[in-house]
C-alpha atoms as a PDB file:
ATOM      1  CA  MET A   1     -17.251  12.856 -12.845  1.00  0.00           C
ATOM      2  CA  THR A   2     -18.821  11.014  -9.695  1.00  0.00           C
ATOM      3  CA  ARG A   3     -18.946   7.175  -8.934  1.00  0.00           C
ATOM      4  CA  PRO A   4     -20.518   6.527  -5.632  1.00  0.00           C
ATOM      5  CA  ASP A   5     -19.759   3.235  -5.306  1.00  0.00           C
ATOM      6  CA  LEU A   6     -16.213   3.852  -5.991  1.00  0.00           C
ATOM      7  CA  SER A   7     -14.144   3.941  -2.692  1.00  0.00           C
ATOM      8  CA  LEU A   8     -10.772   5.970  -3.011  1.00  0.00           C
ATOM      9  CA  SER A   9      -7.606   5.380  -0.665  1.00  0.00           C
ATOM     10  CA  VAL A  10      -4.381   6.182  -0.279  1.00  0.00           C
ATOM     11  CA  LEU A  11      -1.025   4.264   0.082  1.00  0.00           C
ATOM     12  CA  ASP A  12       1.885   6.802   0.873  1.00  0.00           C
ATOM     13  CA  GLN A  13       5.640   5.506   0.615  1.00  0.00           C
ATOM     14  CA  SER A  14       7.550   8.330   1.705  1.00  0.00           C
ATOM     15  CA  VAL A  15       9.411   8.719  -0.701  1.00  0.00           C
ATOM     16  CA  ALA A  16      12.796  10.913  -0.601  1.00  0.00           C
ATOM     17  CA  ALA A  17      12.992  13.723  -2.837  1.00  0.00           C
ATOM     18  CA  ALA A  18      16.486  15.030  -4.512  1.00  0.00           C
ATOM     19  CA  GLY A  19      17.933  17.822  -2.354  1.00  0.00           C
ATOM     20  CA  ARG A  20      15.822  17.177   0.895  1.00  0.00           C
ATOM     21  CA  PRO A  21      16.548  15.259   4.020  1.00  0.00           C
ATOM     22  CA  GLN A  22      15.367  12.278   3.891  1.00  0.00           C
ATOM     23  CA  ASP A  23      13.554  12.442   7.355  1.00  0.00           C
ATOM     24  CA  GLU A  24      11.546  15.802   5.651  1.00  0.00           C
ATOM     25  CA  ALA A  25       9.996  12.731   3.782  1.00  0.00           C
ATOM     26  CA  ILE A  26       8.070  11.138   6.722  1.00  0.00           C
ATOM     27  CA  ARG A  27       6.827  14.633   8.264  1.00  0.00           C
ATOM     28  CA  HIS A  28       5.406  14.747   4.485  1.00  0.00           C
ATOM     29  CA  THR A  29       3.333  11.537   5.189  1.00  0.00           C
ATOM     30  CA  LEU A  30       2.030  12.671   8.274  1.00  0.00           C
ATOM     31  CA  ALA A  31       0.635  16.092   6.487  1.00  0.00           C
ATOM     32  CA  LEU A  32      -0.584  14.070   3.288  1.00  0.00           C
ATOM     33  CA  ALA A  33      -2.854  11.817   6.010  1.00  0.00           C
ATOM     34  CA  ARG A  34      -4.265  14.761   7.474  1.00  0.00           C
ATOM     35  CA  CYS A  35      -4.912  16.311   4.492  1.00  0.00           C
ATOM     36  CA  CYS A  36      -6.449  12.885   2.500  1.00  0.00           C
ATOM     37  CA  GLU A  37      -8.330  12.993   6.020  1.00  0.00           C
ATOM     38  CA  THR A  38     -10.158  15.911   5.278  1.00  0.00           C
ATOM     39  CA  LEU A  39     -10.786  14.956   1.387  1.00  0.00           C
ATOM     40  CA  GLY A  40     -12.751  12.006   2.281  1.00  0.00           C
ATOM     41  CA  TYR A  41     -10.445   9.106   1.312  1.00  0.00           C
ATOM     42  CA  HIS A  42     -11.301   5.898   2.944  1.00  0.00           C
ATOM     43  CA  ARG A  43      -8.081   4.002   4.018  1.00  0.00           C
ATOM     44  CA  PHE A  44      -4.244   5.699   3.983  1.00  0.00           C
ATOM     45  CA  TRP A  45      -1.808   2.861   4.257  1.00  0.00           C
ATOM     46  CA  VAL A  46       1.999   3.373   4.551  1.00  0.00           C
ATOM     47  CA  SER A  47       5.094   0.668   3.148  1.00  0.00           C
ATOM     48  CA  GLU A  48       7.954  -1.188   4.407  1.00  0.00           C
ATOM     49  CA  HIS A  49      11.303  -0.661   2.948  1.00  0.00           C
ATOM     50  CA  HIS A  50      14.566  -1.077   4.293  1.00  0.00           C
ATOM     51  CA  SER A  51      18.080   0.470   3.147  1.00  0.00           C
ATOM     52  CA  HIS A  52      16.344   2.089   0.017  1.00  0.00           C
ATOM     53  CA  PRO A  53      17.618   4.970  -1.279  1.00  0.00           C
ATOM     54  CA  THR A  54      14.249   6.487  -2.876  1.00  0.00           C
ATOM     55  CA  ILE A  55      11.728   4.700  -0.725  1.00  0.00           C
ATOM     56  CA  VAL A  56      12.747   5.565   3.350  1.00  0.00           C
ATOM     57  CA  GLY A  57       9.594   4.752   5.654  1.00  0.00           C
ATOM     58  CA  THR A  58      11.277   1.761   7.026  1.00  0.00           C
ATOM     59  CA  ALA A  59       8.910   1.560  10.252  1.00  0.00           C
ATOM     60  CA  PRO A  60       5.299   1.085   9.422  1.00  0.00           C
ATOM     61  CA  GLU A  61       3.307   0.585  12.873  1.00  0.00           C
ATOM     62  CA  VAL A  62       5.860   3.446  14.042  1.00  0.00           C
ATOM     63  CA  LEU A  63       4.288   5.838  11.500  1.00  0.00           C
ATOM     64  CA  MET A  64       0.690   4.854  11.815  1.00  0.00           C
ATOM     65  CA  ALA A  65       0.830   5.348  15.631  1.00  0.00           C
ATOM     66  CA  ALA A  66       1.853   9.228  14.723  1.00  0.00           C
ATOM     67  CA  ILE A  67      -0.883   9.304  11.938  1.00  0.00           C
ATOM     68  CA  ALA A  68      -3.392   7.947  14.235  1.00  0.00           C
ATOM     69  CA  ALA A  69      -2.673  10.440  17.067  1.00  0.00           C
ATOM     70  CA  ARG A  70      -3.046  13.159  14.613  1.00  0.00           C
ATOM     71  CA  THR A  71      -6.544  11.945  12.796  1.00  0.00           C
ATOM     72  CA  ARG A  72      -9.629  10.871  13.640  1.00  0.00           C
ATOM     73  CA  ARG A  73     -11.769   9.182  11.122  1.00  0.00           C
ATOM     74  CA  ILE A  74      -9.712   7.864   8.539  1.00  0.00           C
ATOM     75  CA  ARG A  75      -8.809   4.125   8.530  1.00  0.00           C
ATOM     76  CA  ILE A  76      -4.998   3.226   8.835  1.00  0.00           C
ATOM     77  CA  GLY A  77      -3.040   0.836   7.635  1.00  0.00           C
ATOM     78  CA  SER A  78       0.039  -1.091   6.565  1.00  0.00           C
ATOM     79  CA  ALA A  79       0.608  -2.022   3.048  1.00  0.00           C
ATOM     80  CA  GLY A  80       2.649  -3.643   4.252  1.00  0.00           C
ATOM     81  CA  VAL A  81       4.448  -5.330   7.165  1.00  0.00           C
ATOM     82  CA  MET A  82       6.973  -7.927   5.808  1.00  0.00           C
ATOM     83  CA  LEU A  83       6.037 -10.735   8.086  1.00  0.00           C
ATOM     84  CA  PRO A  84       8.794 -12.580   7.007  1.00  0.00           C
ATOM     85  CA  HIS A  85      11.022 -10.281   9.050  1.00  0.00           C
ATOM     86  CA  TYR A  86       9.252 -10.987  12.225  1.00  0.00           C
ATOM     87  CA  ALA A  87       7.714 -13.133  14.455  1.00  0.00           C
ATOM     88  CA  PRO A  88       4.246 -13.267  14.130  1.00  0.00           C
ATOM     89  CA  LEU A  89       3.521 -12.228  18.675  1.00  0.00           C
ATOM     90  CA  LYS A  90       5.390  -9.504  18.021  1.00  0.00           C
ATOM     91  CA  VAL A  91       3.139  -7.845  14.885  1.00  0.00           C
ATOM     92  CA  ALA A  92       0.208  -8.754  16.697  1.00  0.00           C
ATOM     93  CA  GLU A  93       0.949  -6.778  20.057  1.00  0.00           C
ATOM     94  CA  GLN A  94       2.532  -3.689  18.108  1.00  0.00           C
ATOM     95  CA  PHE A  95      -1.243  -3.556  15.908  1.00  0.00           C
ATOM     96  CA  ARG A  96      -3.428  -4.280  18.886  1.00  0.00           C
ATOM     97  CA  VAL A  97      -2.024  -1.382  20.491  1.00  0.00           C
ATOM     98  CA  LEU A  98      -2.450   0.675  17.277  1.00  0.00           C
ATOM     99  CA  ASP A  99      -5.931  -0.392  17.431  1.00  0.00           C
ATOM    100  CA  ALA A 100      -6.270   0.946  21.319  1.00  0.00           C
ATOM    101  CA  LEU A 101      -4.815   4.059  20.010  1.00  0.00           C
ATOM    102  CA  ALA A 102      -7.203   4.161  16.951  1.00  0.00           C
ATOM    103  CA  PRO A 103     -10.170   1.617  18.087  1.00  0.00           C
ATOM    104  CA  GLY A 104     -11.798   0.071  14.767  1.00  0.00           C
ATOM    105  CA  ARG A 105      -9.157   2.201  12.245  1.00  0.00           C
ATOM    106  CA  ILE A 106      -6.660  -0.245  11.944  1.00  0.00           C
ATOM    107  CA  ASP A 107      -5.900  -2.339   8.978  1.00  0.00           C
ATOM    108  CA  LEU A 108      -2.998  -4.678   8.835  1.00  0.00           C
ATOM    109  CA  GLY A 109      -1.344  -5.731   5.930  1.00  0.00           C
ATOM    110  CA  VAL A 110       1.195  -8.411   5.302  1.00  0.00           C
ATOM    111  CA  GLY A 111       3.779  -9.693   2.444  1.00  0.00           C
ATOM    112  CA  ARG A 112       5.697 -12.074   1.653  1.00  0.00           C
ATOM    113  CA  ALA A 113       8.483  -9.669   0.121  1.00  0.00           C
ATOM    114  CA  PRO A 114      11.548  -8.122   1.581  1.00  0.00           C
ATOM    115  CA  GLY A 115      11.191  -4.465   1.219  1.00  0.00           C
ATOM    116  CA  SER A 116      15.447  -4.918   0.396  1.00  0.00           C
ATOM    117  CA  ASP A 117      18.038  -6.566  -0.964  1.00  0.00           C
ATOM    118  CA  ARG A 118      18.798 -10.169  -0.114  1.00  0.00           C
ATOM    119  CA  ARG A 119      21.827  -8.497   2.474  1.00  0.00           C
ATOM    120  CA  THR A 120      19.600  -6.492   4.491  1.00  0.00           C
ATOM    121  CA  SER A 121      16.697  -9.259   4.439  1.00  0.00           C
ATOM    122  CA  MET A 122      19.498 -10.912   5.577  1.00  0.00           C
ATOM    123  CA  LEU A 123      20.117  -8.711   8.810  1.00  0.00           C
ATOM    124  CA  LEU A 124      16.553  -8.070   9.646  1.00  0.00           C
ATOM    125  CA  ASN A 125      16.315 -12.003   9.648  1.00  0.00           C
ATOM    126  CA  PRO A 126      18.896 -14.681   9.018  1.00  0.00           C
ATOM    127  CA  ASP A 127      17.081 -17.429   8.509  1.00  0.00           C
ATOM    128  CA  PRO A 128      17.452 -17.870   4.591  1.00  0.00           C
ATOM    129  CA  GLN A 129      14.321 -20.019   4.572  1.00  0.00           C
ATOM    130  CA  ALA A 130      11.594 -17.253   6.412  1.00  0.00           C
ATOM    131  CA  SER A 131       9.689 -16.811   3.800  1.00  0.00           C
ATOM    132  CA  GLU A 132       8.710 -20.964   3.418  1.00  0.00           C
ATOM    133  CA  GLN A 133       7.145 -20.114   6.420  1.00  0.00           C
ATOM    134  CA  PHE A 134       5.303 -17.038   5.600  1.00  0.00           C
ATOM    135  CA  ALA A 135       1.704 -19.311   5.057  1.00  0.00           C
ATOM    136  CA  GLN A 136       2.187 -20.432   8.872  1.00  0.00           C
ATOM    137  CA  GLN A 137       2.982 -17.141   9.935  1.00  0.00           C
ATOM    138  CA  VAL A 138      -0.408 -15.883   8.716  1.00  0.00           C
ATOM    139  CA  LEU A 139      -2.335 -18.619  10.449  1.00  0.00           C
ATOM    140  CA  GLU A 140      -0.882 -17.612  13.802  1.00  0.00           C
ATOM    141  CA  LEU A 141      -0.885 -13.845  13.356  1.00  0.00           C
ATOM    142  CA  GLN A 142      -4.659 -14.131  12.437  1.00  0.00           C
ATOM    143  CA  ALA A 143      -5.500 -16.364  15.591  1.00  0.00           C
ATOM    144  CA  TRP A 144      -3.424 -14.000  17.553  1.00  0.00           C
ATOM    145  CA  VAL A 145      -4.556 -10.834  16.081  1.00  0.00           C
ATOM    146  CA  GLY A 146      -8.525 -11.278  16.512  1.00  0.00           C
ATOM    147  CA  GLU A 147      -8.019 -12.687  19.405  1.00  0.00           C
ATOM    148  CA  GLY A 148     -10.842 -12.010  22.165  1.00  0.00           C
ATOM    149  CA  VAL A 149     -13.190 -10.201  19.724  1.00  0.00           C
ATOM    150  CA  HIS A 150     -12.872 -12.536  16.084  1.00  0.00           C
ATOM    151  CA  THR A 151     -10.763 -16.061  17.254  1.00  0.00           C
ATOM    152  CA  GLY A 152     -10.034 -17.969  20.657  1.00  0.00           C
ATOM    153  CA  GLY A 153      -6.697 -17.172  20.277  1.00  0.00           C
ATOM    154  CA  MET A 154      -4.165 -20.175  19.537  1.00  0.00           C
ATOM    155  CA  PRO A 155      -5.261 -23.695  19.598  1.00  0.00           C
ATOM    156  CA  PRO A 156      -4.728 -26.473  22.141  1.00  0.00           C
ATOM    157  CA  GLY A 157      -1.383 -28.362  21.316  1.00  0.00           C
ATOM    158  CA  HIS A 158       0.206 -25.270  19.419  1.00  0.00           C
ATOM    159  CA  PRO A 159       3.118 -23.200  21.569  1.00  0.00           C
ATOM    160  CA  GLY A 160       1.459 -20.298  21.773  1.00  0.00           C
ATOM    161  CA  HIS A 161      -1.509 -21.458  23.398  1.00  0.00           C
ATOM    162  CA  GLY A 162      -2.243 -19.614  26.393  1.00  0.00           C
ATOM    163  CA  VAL A 163      -0.009 -16.857  25.106  1.00  0.00           C
ATOM    164  CA  HIS A 164      -2.097 -13.680  24.539  1.00  0.00           C
ATOM    165  CA  ALA A 165      -1.605 -10.319  22.173  1.00  0.00           C
ATOM    166  CA  LEU A 166      -2.298  -7.494  24.623  1.00  0.00           C
ATOM    167  CA  PRO A 167      -4.051  -5.448  24.547  1.00  0.00           C
ATOM    168  CA  HIS A 168      -7.424  -7.261  23.762  1.00  0.00           C
ATOM    169  CA  GLY A 169     -10.515  -4.437  23.168  1.00  0.00           C
ATOM    170  CA  THR A 170     -13.997  -4.341  21.695  1.00  0.00           C
ATOM    171  CA  THR A 171     -12.353  -3.892  18.047  1.00  0.00           C
ATOM    172  CA  ALA A 172      -9.453  -5.709  16.038  1.00  0.00           C
ATOM    173  CA  PRO A 173      -7.301  -4.946  13.529  1.00  0.00           C
ATOM    174  CA  VAL A 174      -8.498  -6.284   9.863  1.00  0.00           C
ATOM    175  CA  LEU A 175      -5.984  -8.268   8.426  1.00  0.00           C
ATOM    176  CA  TRP A 176      -5.321  -8.188   4.766  1.00  0.00           C
ATOM    177  CA  MET A 177      -3.294  -9.844   2.384  1.00  0.00           C
ATOM    178  CA  LEU A 178      -1.061  -8.177  -0.287  1.00  0.00           C
ATOM    179  CA  GLY A 179       0.624  -9.190  -3.146  1.00  0.00           C
ATOM    180  CA  SER A 180       1.479  -9.317  -7.012  1.00  0.00           C
ATOM    181  CA  SER A 181       1.665 -12.646  -8.067  1.00  0.00           C
ATOM    182  CA  ASP A 182      -0.926 -15.852  -7.614  1.00  0.00           C
ATOM    183  CA  TYR A 183       0.396 -16.501  -4.272  1.00  0.00           C
ATOM    184  CA  GLY A 184      -0.762 -14.063  -2.048  1.00  0.00           C
ATOM    185  CA  ALA A 185      -4.670 -14.248  -3.983  1.00  0.00           C
ATOM    186  CA  ARG A 186      -4.493 -18.032  -3.393  1.00  0.00           C
ATOM    187  CA  LEU A 187      -3.674 -17.552   0.146  1.00  0.00           C
ATOM    188  CA  ALA A 188      -5.757 -14.702   0.803  1.00  0.00           C
ATOM    189  CA  ALA A 189      -8.813 -16.395  -0.727  1.00  0.00           C
ATOM    190  CA  GLN A 190      -8.112 -19.824   1.422  1.00  0.00           C
ATOM    191  CA  LEU A 191      -8.066 -17.643   4.936  1.00  0.00           C
ATOM    192  CA  GLY A 192     -10.477 -15.588   3.857  1.00  0.00           C
ATOM    193  CA  VAL A 193      -9.284 -12.017   4.313  1.00  0.00           C
ATOM    194  CA  PRO A 194      -9.244  -9.180   2.065  1.00  0.00           C
ATOM    195  CA  TYR A 195      -6.968  -9.043  -0.309  1.00  0.00           C
ATOM    196  CA  ALA A 196      -4.881  -5.980  -2.191  1.00  0.00           C
ATOM    197  CA  PHE A 197      -2.915  -6.628  -5.944  1.00  0.00           C
ATOM    198  CA  ALA A 198      -0.255  -4.343  -6.507  1.00  0.00           C
ATOM    199  CA  TYR A 199      -0.893  -3.126  -9.530  1.00  0.00           C
ATOM    200  CA  PHE A 200       1.595  -0.090  -9.687  1.00  0.00           C
ATOM    201  CA  ILE A 201       4.466  -2.874  -9.509  1.00  0.00           C
ATOM    202  CA  THR A 202       3.395  -5.446 -12.221  1.00  0.00           C
ATOM    203  CA  ASP A 203       1.841  -2.664 -14.490  1.00  0.00           C
ATOM    204  CA  GLY A 204      -1.521  -4.670 -14.079  1.00  0.00           C
ATOM    205  CA  LEU A 205      -0.068  -7.779 -15.563  1.00  0.00           C
ATOM    206  CA  GLY A 206      -1.471 -10.327 -14.156  1.00  0.00           C
ATOM    207  CA  ALA A 207      -4.063  -8.694 -11.993  1.00  0.00           C
ATOM    208  CA  ALA A 208      -7.064 -10.173 -13.618  1.00  0.00           C
ATOM    209  CA  GLU A 209      -5.903 -14.058 -13.051  1.00  0.00           C
ATOM    210  CA  ALA A 210      -5.173 -12.849  -9.541  1.00  0.00           C
ATOM    211  CA  LEU A 211      -8.269 -11.124  -8.839  1.00  0.00           C
ATOM    212  CA  HIS A 212     -10.082 -14.390 -10.438  1.00  0.00           C
ATOM    213  CA  LEU A 213      -8.512 -16.917  -8.343  1.00  0.00           C
ATOM    214  CA  TYR A 214      -9.045 -14.670  -5.061  1.00  0.00           C
ATOM    215  CA  ARG A 215     -12.286 -14.631  -5.561  1.00  0.00           C
ATOM    216  CA  SER A 216     -13.213 -17.968  -7.271  1.00  0.00           C
ATOM    217  CA  GLY A 217     -11.516 -19.348  -4.667  1.00  0.00           C
ATOM    218  CA  TYR A 218     -12.565 -17.278  -1.889  1.00  0.00           C
ATOM    219  CA  ARG A 219     -13.481 -19.126   1.677  1.00  0.00           C
ATOM    220  CA  PRO A 220     -16.554 -17.468   3.514  1.00  0.00           C
ATOM    221  CA  ASN A 221     -16.130 -16.758   7.386  1.00  0.00           C
ATOM    222  CA  ASP A 222     -18.163 -15.095  10.005  1.00  0.00           C
ATOM    223  CA  VAL A 223     -15.586 -11.720   9.876  1.00  0.00           C
ATOM    224  CA  ASN A 224     -15.903 -11.668   6.159  1.00  0.00           C
ATOM    225  CA  PRO A 225     -18.081 -13.090   4.852  1.00  0.00           C
ATOM    226  CA  GLN A 226     -18.059 -11.665   1.055  1.00  0.00           C
ATOM    227  CA  PRO A 227     -14.336 -11.373  -0.749  1.00  0.00           C
ATOM    228  CA  HIS A 228     -12.916  -7.785  -0.678  1.00  0.00           C
ATOM    229  CA  ALA A 229     -10.587  -6.905  -3.143  1.00  0.00           C
ATOM    230  CA  LEU A 230      -8.476  -3.273  -4.029  1.00  0.00           C
ATOM    231  CA  LEU A 231      -6.251  -2.685  -6.747  1.00  0.00           C
ATOM    232  CA  CYS A 232      -3.227  -0.190  -5.355  1.00  0.00           C
ATOM    233  CA  VAL A 233      -2.318   2.184  -8.661  1.00  0.00           C
ATOM    234  CA  TRP A 234       0.128   4.556  -9.234  1.00  0.00           C
ATOM    235  CA  ALA A 235      -1.382   8.105 -10.337  1.00  0.00           C
ATOM    236  CA  LEU A 236      -0.837  11.459 -10.849  1.00  0.00           C
ATOM    237  CA  ALA A 237      -3.370  14.255 -11.456  1.00  0.00           C
ATOM    238  CA  ALA A 238      -2.111  18.397 -12.079  1.00  0.00           C
ATOM    239  CA  ASP A 239      -4.811  21.317 -12.819  1.00  0.00           C
ATOM    240  CA  THR A 240      -3.561  20.561 -16.968  1.00  0.00           C
ATOM    241  CA  GLU A 241      -2.727  17.668 -18.706  1.00  0.00           C
ATOM    242  CA  ALA A 242       0.629  19.523 -19.803  1.00  0.00           C
ATOM    243  CA  GLU A 243       1.488  20.110 -16.098  1.00  0.00           C
ATOM    244  CA  ALA A 244       0.837  16.450 -15.288  1.00  0.00           C
ATOM    245  CA  TRP A 245       2.793  14.642 -17.626  1.00  0.00           C
ATOM    246  CA  HIS A 246       5.883  17.662 -16.717  1.00  0.00           C
ATOM    247  CA  LEU A 247       5.681  15.973 -12.983  1.00  0.00           C
ATOM    248  CA  PHE A 248       5.712  12.580 -14.528  1.00  0.00           C
ATOM    249  CA  LYS A 249       8.738  13.598 -15.094  1.00  0.00           C
ATOM    250  CA  SER A 250      10.438  12.163 -12.103  1.00  0.00           C
ATOM    251  CA  ARG A 251       8.885   9.190 -11.861  1.00  0.00           C
ATOM    252  CA  ALA A 252       9.835   8.581 -15.395  1.00  0.00           C
ATOM    253  CA  ARG A 253      13.443   9.011 -14.770  1.00  0.00           C
ATOM    254  CA  MET A 254      13.127   6.888 -11.222  1.00  0.00           C
ATOM    255  CA  ARG A 255      11.597   3.821 -13.797  1.00  0.00           C
ATOM    256  CA  MET A 256      14.490   4.175 -16.307  1.00  0.00           C
ATOM    257  CA  ASP A 257      16.978   4.687 -13.956  1.00  0.00           C
ATOM    258  CA  ARG A 258      15.866   1.545 -11.753  1.00  0.00           C
ATOM    259  CA  ASN A 259      16.130  -0.753 -15.054  1.00  0.00           C
ATOM    260  CA  LEU A 260      19.873   0.480 -14.562  1.00  0.00           C
ATOM    261  CA  GLY A 261      20.192  -0.440 -10.914  1.00  0.00           C
ATOM    262  CA  ARG A 262      20.068   3.024  -9.996  1.00  0.00           C
ATOM    263  CA  LEU A 263      18.422   3.817  -7.565  1.00  0.00           C
ATOM    264  CA  GLY A 264      18.506   7.707  -5.161  1.00  0.00           C
ATOM    265  CA  PRO A 265      16.099  10.344  -4.148  1.00  0.00           C
ATOM    266  CA  LEU A 266      13.350  11.390  -6.588  1.00  0.00           C
ATOM    267  CA  PRO A 267      14.370  14.180  -8.745  1.00  0.00           C
ATOM    268  CA  ALA A 268      12.900  17.220  -9.519  1.00  0.00           C
ATOM    269  CA  PRO A 269      11.014  17.286 -12.621  1.00  0.00           C
ATOM    270  CA  GLU A 270      13.099  19.884 -14.025  1.00  0.00           C
ATOM    271  CA  HIS A 271      16.333  18.103 -13.792  1.00  0.00           C
ATOM    272  CA  ALA A 272      14.721  14.318 -14.811  1.00  0.00           C
ATOM    273  CA  GLU A 273      15.822  14.652 -18.469  1.00  0.00           C
ATOM    274  CA  ARG A 274      18.986  12.773 -19.413  1.00  0.00           C
ATOM    275  CA  ALA A 275      20.289  11.135 -22.490  1.00  0.00           C
ATOM    276  CA  TRP A 276      17.927   7.980 -23.159  1.00  0.00           C
ATOM    277  CA  SER A 277      19.028   5.035 -25.254  1.00  0.00           C
ATOM    278  CA  GLU A 278      16.639   3.812 -27.878  1.00  0.00           C
ATOM    279  CA  ALA A 279      15.691   1.022 -25.769  1.00  0.00           C
ATOM    280  CA  GLU A 280      14.794   3.533 -23.185  1.00  0.00           C
ATOM    281  CA  ARG A 281      13.055   5.698 -25.297  1.00  0.00           C
ATOM    282  CA  ALA A 282      10.794   2.745 -26.581  1.00  0.00           C
ATOM    283  CA  ALA A 283      10.089   1.918 -22.616  1.00  0.00           C
ATOM    284  CA  LEU A 284       9.645   5.229 -21.830  1.00  0.00           C
ATOM    285  CA  GLU A 285       6.637   5.380 -24.511  1.00  0.00           C
ATOM    286  CA  GLN A 286       5.166   2.394 -23.138  1.00  0.00           C
ATOM    287  CA  LEU A 287       4.931   3.893 -19.652  1.00  0.00           C
ATOM    288  CA  ARG A 288       3.150   6.690 -21.141  1.00  0.00           C
ATOM    289  CA  GLN A 289       0.572   5.138 -22.818  1.00  0.00           C
ATOM    290  CA  GLY A 290      -0.378   3.050 -19.637  1.00  0.00           C
ATOM    291  CA  ALA A 291       0.221   5.819 -16.809  1.00  0.00           C
ATOM    292  CA  LEU A 292      -2.853   6.980 -15.501  1.00  0.00           C
ATOM    293  CA  VAL A 293      -1.316  10.987 -15.583  1.00  0.00           C
ATOM    294  CA  GLY A 294      -3.311  13.930 -16.674  1.00  0.00           C
ATOM    295  CA  SER A 295      -5.964  16.186 -15.536  1.00  0.00           C
ATOM    296  CA  GLY A 296      -8.350  15.506 -12.398  1.00  0.00           C
ATOM    297  CA  PRO A 297     -11.101  14.673 -15.315  1.00  0.00           C
ATOM    298  CA  GLN A 298      -8.718  12.684 -16.911  1.00  0.00           C
ATOM    299  CA  VAL A 299      -7.397  10.608 -14.845  1.00  0.00           C
ATOM    300  CA  ALA A 300     -10.714  10.220 -12.517  1.00  0.00           C
ATOM    301  CA  GLU A 301     -12.225   8.702 -15.747  1.00  0.00           C
ATOM    302  CA  LYS A 302      -9.078   6.385 -15.850  1.00  0.00           C
ATOM    303  CA  LEU A 303      -9.652   5.144 -12.336  1.00  0.00           C
ATOM    304  CA  CYS A 304     -13.371   4.609 -13.231  1.00  0.00           C
ATOM    305  CA  ALA A 305     -12.631   2.785 -16.091  1.00  0.00           C
ATOM    306  CA  LEU A 306      -9.825   0.393 -14.219  1.00  0.00           C
ATOM    307  CA  ALA A 307     -12.519  -0.355 -11.621  1.00  0.00           C
ATOM    308  CA  ALA A 308     -15.131  -1.341 -13.413  1.00  0.00           C
ATOM    309  CA  GLN A 309     -12.778  -2.986 -15.973  1.00  0.00           C
ATOM    310  CA  HIS A 310     -11.480  -5.701 -12.975  1.00  0.00           C
ATOM    311  CA  ALA A 311     -14.499  -5.194 -10.903  1.00  0.00           C
ATOM    312  CA  VAL A 312     -13.067  -3.689  -7.867  1.00  0.00           C
ATOM    313  CA  ASP A 313     -15.052  -1.142  -5.868  1.00  0.00           C
ATOM    314  CA  GLU A 314     -11.794   0.557  -4.086  1.00  0.00           C
ATOM    315  CA  LEU A 315      -8.935   1.642  -5.556  1.00  0.00           C
ATOM    316  CA  ALA A 316      -5.376   2.937  -3.509  1.00  0.00           C
ATOM    317  CA  VAL A 317      -3.855   5.420  -5.253  1.00  0.00           C
ATOM    318  CA  ILE A 318      -0.143   5.929  -4.995  1.00  0.00           C
ATOM    319  CA  THR A 319       1.284   9.253  -6.191  1.00  0.00           C
ATOM    320  CA  TRP A 320       5.108  10.244  -6.379  1.00  0.00           C
ATOM    321  CA  THR A 321       5.937  14.014  -6.787  1.00  0.00           C
ATOM    322  CA  HIS A 322       8.871  15.749  -6.259  1.00  0.00           C
ATOM    323  CA  ASP A 323       7.046  18.610  -4.556  1.00  0.00           C
ATOM    324  CA  PRO A 324       4.780  17.569  -2.060  1.00  0.00           C
ATOM    325  CA  ALA A 325       1.959  20.417  -2.641  1.00  0.00           C
ATOM    326  CA  ALA A 326       1.847  18.712  -6.144  1.00  0.00           C
ATOM    327  CA  GLN A 327       0.728  15.347  -4.354  1.00  0.00           C
ATOM    328  CA  GLN A 328      -1.672  16.585  -2.204  1.00  0.00           C
ATOM    329  CA  ARG A 329      -2.923  18.746  -4.896  1.00  0.00           C
ATOM    330  CA  SER A 330      -3.486  15.037  -7.019  1.00  0.00           C
ATOM    331  CA  TYR A 331      -5.159  13.922  -4.316  1.00  0.00           C
ATOM    332  CA  GLU A 332      -7.440  16.714  -3.698  1.00  0.00           C
ATOM    333  CA  LEU A 333      -8.445  17.093  -7.888  1.00  0.00           C
ATOM    334  CA  LEU A 334      -9.155  13.296  -7.412  1.00  0.00           C
ATOM    335  CA  ALA A 335     -11.063  13.647  -4.063  1.00  0.00           C
ATOM    336  CA  ARG A 336     -12.927  16.296  -6.109  1.00  0.00           C
ATOM    337  CA  GLU A 337     -14.158  14.668  -9.640  1.00  0.00           C
ATOM    338  CA  LEU A 338     -15.122  11.469  -7.691  1.00  0.00           C
ATOM    339  CA  GLY A 339     -16.945  13.069  -5.620  1.00  0.00           C
ATOM    340  CA  LEU A 340     -15.581  12.487  -2.061  1.00  0.00           C
ATOM    341  CA  ILE A 341     -15.738  16.513  -1.454  1.00  0.00           C
ATOM    342  CA  GLY A 342     -18.076  18.613  -3.032  1.00  0.00           C
END
């Protein structure tokens, strides 16, 4: 199955695997980025989490620099920088350096969620009201990151007027708003920036409403004259449907354990089974029914149907497997089915 108008991207979360050192997950992310560039994917995004025993990518800006040094074409981005932890000026500086390393290839996705528990969040930024300043932070970041290319920097009267986020160049990072609720959709529309809805977090709940709010309220500008939305989805393909569902056992176990407050490295599928309660068996069945899992053709068909349903022309795919080779194979199968490679 091919759909020429559907752009396919990747979000990798550097997931820890049981039985392996956590730092291997970071190196696997680098290898996956190189692989996905070869396969023809449009973007490669990395996430930010803190003190999380499952997701160990804590510094997307550092990981992006390493990816930039190992790739030549694919866009590289954060999904995202959890902005309430940081000063917008520092984030703008980091991403301007990244744009100098990979000119015209950098996406700066920002989010309001902490990416951590409350205690860890307070250690990153002791201000308990930090998230309430998010909209103002994004405005400041938008001015600094586009300075010299899209904006003139901070306006007169702002404390940052005359302060510059360097280095300047002929290109600038593209600012994206990430979200899983109405708030991010409305803010993205108001600011006139691209919007990524975290479909994998909500299992699709709220996606249609958020996209409608974004599109109907969008304010065009010279940088982004049209709204651009994508869905971040969790998907897994394998050579056979049976193999895909076997690999999915790792993800299913993590979801059930998370509901009980248990977080840890991703188990191998052969070790993922445990005694399920009746409620868990019902939840597992519901999870399976909505999962984008199967053979390459099956998952490609599901992805195309989902994109058509929500009228988006770009998807960012997340895939968790205990074996990195199975993860790469999933992306390869989807690339072939959706016409990214011959």
